[in-house]
Amino acid sequence: MPSKKQNLQEKKESEINSAWNLWEMILYSKLEGDRYGLDYLIEQIIHDLSSAGLPKKKGRVFVQQQMDEMIEQIRENKLARKRAG
């Protein structure tokens, strides 16, 4: 039978995994211009990270930084493809 500590760790890992699984949907929403969907997904990730123990303010900053980095990477990849082809 799993211990209480083990159950809490599994719940924390599940919440973090849930947040990371939403990144693909965020990128799709951002690229398709779906602002409502994007805002919802960002709030859901912040909620998941908060449930895993990350303070909401830090979660919000973290999500924004990650999103900005991912969007910049997508732009760089698009430019590289244009130059190459």
C-alpha atoms as a PDB file:
ATOM      1  CA  MET A   1       0.000   0.000   0.000  1.00  0.00           C
ATOM      2  CA  PRO A   2       1.500   3.354  -0.998  1.00  0.00           C
ATOM      3  CA  SER A   3       2.418   5.747   1.761  1.00  0.00           C
ATOM      4  CA  LYS A   4       0.859   9.191   2.153  1.00  0.00           C
ATOM      5  CA  LYS A   5       4.155  10.785   1.081  1.00  0.00           C
ATOM      6  CA  GLN A   6       4.271   8.558  -2.001  1.00  0.00           C
ATOM      7  CA  ASN A   7       0.661   9.475  -2.867  1.00  0.00           C
ATOM      8  CA  LEU A   8       1.441  13.191  -2.540  1.00  0.00           C
ATOM      9  CA  GLN A   9       4.504  12.807  -4.759  1.00  0.00           C
ATOM     10  CA  GLU A  10       2.453  10.976  -7.381  1.00  0.00           C
ATOM     11  CA  LYS A  11      -0.232  13.683  -7.275  1.00  0.00           C
ATOM     12  CA  LYS A  12       2.436  16.376  -7.657  1.00  0.00           C
ATOM     13  CA  GLU A  13       3.977  14.572 -10.635  1.00  0.00           C
ATOM     14  CA  SER A  14       0.544  14.125 -12.194  1.00  0.00           C
ATOM     15  CA  GLU A  15      -0.211  17.859 -11.899  1.00  0.00           C
ATOM     16  CA  ILE A  16       3.142  18.779 -13.442  1.00  0.00           C
ATOM     17  CA  ASN A  17       2.626  16.296 -16.278  1.00  0.00           C
ATOM     18  CA  SER A  18      -0.816  17.732 -16.890  1.00  0.00           C
ATOM     19  CA  ALA A  19       0.677  21.218 -17.181  1.00  0.00           C
ATOM     20  CA  TRP A  20       3.347  20.096 -19.624  1.00  0.00           C
ATOM     21  CA  ASN A  21       0.809  18.203 -21.730  1.00  0.00           C
ATOM     22  CA  LEU A  22      -1.044  21.475 -22.304  1.00  0.00           C
ATOM     23  CA  TRP A  23       1.964  23.145 -23.988  1.00  0.00           C
ATOM     24  CA  GLU A  24       1.152  21.624 -27.356  1.00  0.00           C
ATOM     25  CA  MET A  25      -2.377  22.995 -27.165  1.00  0.00           C
ATOM     26  CA  ILE A  26      -1.036  26.422 -26.160  1.00  0.00           C
ATOM     27  CA  LEU A  27       1.262  26.576 -29.147  1.00  0.00           C
ATOM     28  CA  TYR A  28      -1.565  25.556 -31.454  1.00  0.00           C
ATOM     29  CA  SER A  29      -3.877  28.206 -29.956  1.00  0.00           C
ATOM     30  CA  LYS A  30      -1.178  30.864 -30.183  1.00  0.00           C
ATOM     31  CA  LEU A  31      -0.339  30.060 -33.773  1.00  0.00           C
ATOM     32  CA  GLU A  32      -4.000  29.911 -34.796  1.00  0.00           C
ATOM     33  CA  GLY A  33      -4.765  33.238 -33.078  1.00  0.00           C
ATOM     34  CA  ASP A  34      -7.234  31.715 -30.609  1.00  0.00           C
ATOM     35  CA  ARG A  35      -6.747  34.197 -27.770  1.00  0.00           C
ATOM     36  CA  TYR A  36      -9.626  32.867 -25.618  1.00  0.00           C
ATOM     37  CA  GLY A  37      -8.317  29.304 -25.820  1.00  0.00           C
ATOM     38  CA  LEU A  38      -4.789  30.465 -25.108  1.00  0.00           C
ATOM     39  CA  ASP A  39      -5.815  32.374 -21.980  1.00  0.00           C
ATOM     40  CA  TYR A  40      -7.772  29.372 -20.726  1.00  0.00           C
ATOM     41  CA  LEU A  41      -4.852  27.006 -21.293  1.00  0.00           C
ATOM     42  CA  ILE A  42      -2.410  29.351 -19.545  1.00  0.00           C
ATOM     43  CA  GLU A  43      -4.705  29.553 -16.516  1.00  0.00           C
ATOM     44  CA  GLN A  44      -5.053  25.762 -16.499  1.00  0.00           C
ATOM     45  CA  ILE A  45      -1.274  25.309 -16.518  1.00  0.00           C
ATOM     46  CA  ILE A  46      -0.886  27.832 -13.698  1.00  0.00           C
ATOM     47  CA  HIS A  47      -3.552  25.948 -11.746  1.00  0.00           C
ATOM     48  CA  ASP A  48      -1.790  22.618 -12.332  1.00  0.00           C
ATOM     49  CA  LEU A  49       1.583  24.017 -11.277  1.00  0.00           C
ATOM     50  CA  SER A  50      -0.012  25.666  -8.244  1.00  0.00           C
ATOM     51  CA  SER A  51      -1.596  22.329  -7.294  1.00  0.00           C
ATOM     52  CA  ALA A  52       1.893  20.827  -7.486  1.00  0.00           C
ATOM     53  CA  GLY A  53       3.163  23.430  -5.007  1.00  0.00           C
ATOM     54  CA  LEU A  54       4.475  26.300  -7.162  1.00  0.00           C
ATOM     55  CA  PRO A  55       3.121  29.677  -5.982  1.00  0.00           C
ATOM     56  CA  LYS A  56       0.685  31.178  -8.516  1.00  0.00           C
ATOM     57  CA  LYS A  57       2.728  34.345  -9.082  1.00  0.00           C
ATOM     58  CA  LYS A  58       5.870  32.319  -9.832  1.00  0.00           C
ATOM     59  CA  GLY A  59       3.802  29.955 -11.969  1.00  0.00           C
ATOM     60  CA  ARG A  60       2.453  32.839 -14.036  1.00  0.00           C
ATOM     61  CA  VAL A  61       5.954  34.250 -14.626  1.00  0.00           C
ATOM     62  CA  PHE A  62       7.306  30.783 -15.424  1.00  0.00           C
ATOM     63  CA  VAL A  63       4.529  30.049 -17.926  1.00  0.00           C
ATOM     64  CA  GLN A  64       5.000  33.396 -19.674  1.00  0.00           C
ATOM     65  CA  GLN A  65       8.777  32.930 -19.919  1.00  0.00           C
ATOM     66  CA  GLN A  66       8.409  29.400 -21.276  1.00  0.00           C
ATOM     67  CA  MET A  67       5.794  30.482 -23.779  1.00  0.00           C
ATOM     68  CA  ASP A  68       7.917  33.406 -24.982  1.00  0.00           C
ATOM     69  CA  GLU A  69      10.936  31.129 -25.418  1.00  0.00           C
ATOM     70  CA  MET A  70       8.911  28.538 -27.324  1.00  0.00           C
ATOM     71  CA  ILE A  71       7.366  31.145 -29.612  1.00  0.00           C
ATOM     72  CA  GLU A  72      10.787  32.644 -30.327  1.00  0.00           C
ATOM     73  CA  GLN A  73      12.107  29.165 -31.170  1.00  0.00           C
ATOM     74  CA  ILE A  74       9.205  28.605 -33.577  1.00  0.00           C
ATOM     75  CA  ARG A  75       9.931  31.944 -35.270  1.00  0.00           C
ATOM     76  CA  GLU A  76      13.616  31.092 -35.582  1.00  0.00           C
ATOM     77  CA  ASN A  77      12.743  27.697 -37.072  1.00  0.00           C
ATOM     78  CA  LYS A  78      10.392  29.304 -39.606  1.00  0.00           C
ATOM     79  CA  LEU A  79      13.096  31.795 -40.635  1.00  0.00           C
ATOM     80  CA  ALA A  80      15.650  29.025 -40.964  1.00  0.00           C
ATOM     81  CA  ARG A  81      13.286  27.023 -43.193  1.00  0.00           C
ATOM     82  CA  LYS A  82      12.654  30.076 -45.381  1.00  0.00           C
ATOM     83  CA  ARG A  83      16.394  30.684 -45.775  1.00  0.00           C
ATOM     84  CA  ALA A  84      17.044  27.034 -46.538  1.00  0.00           C
ATOM     85  CA  GLY A  85      14.347  26.547 -48.967  1.00  0.00           C
END
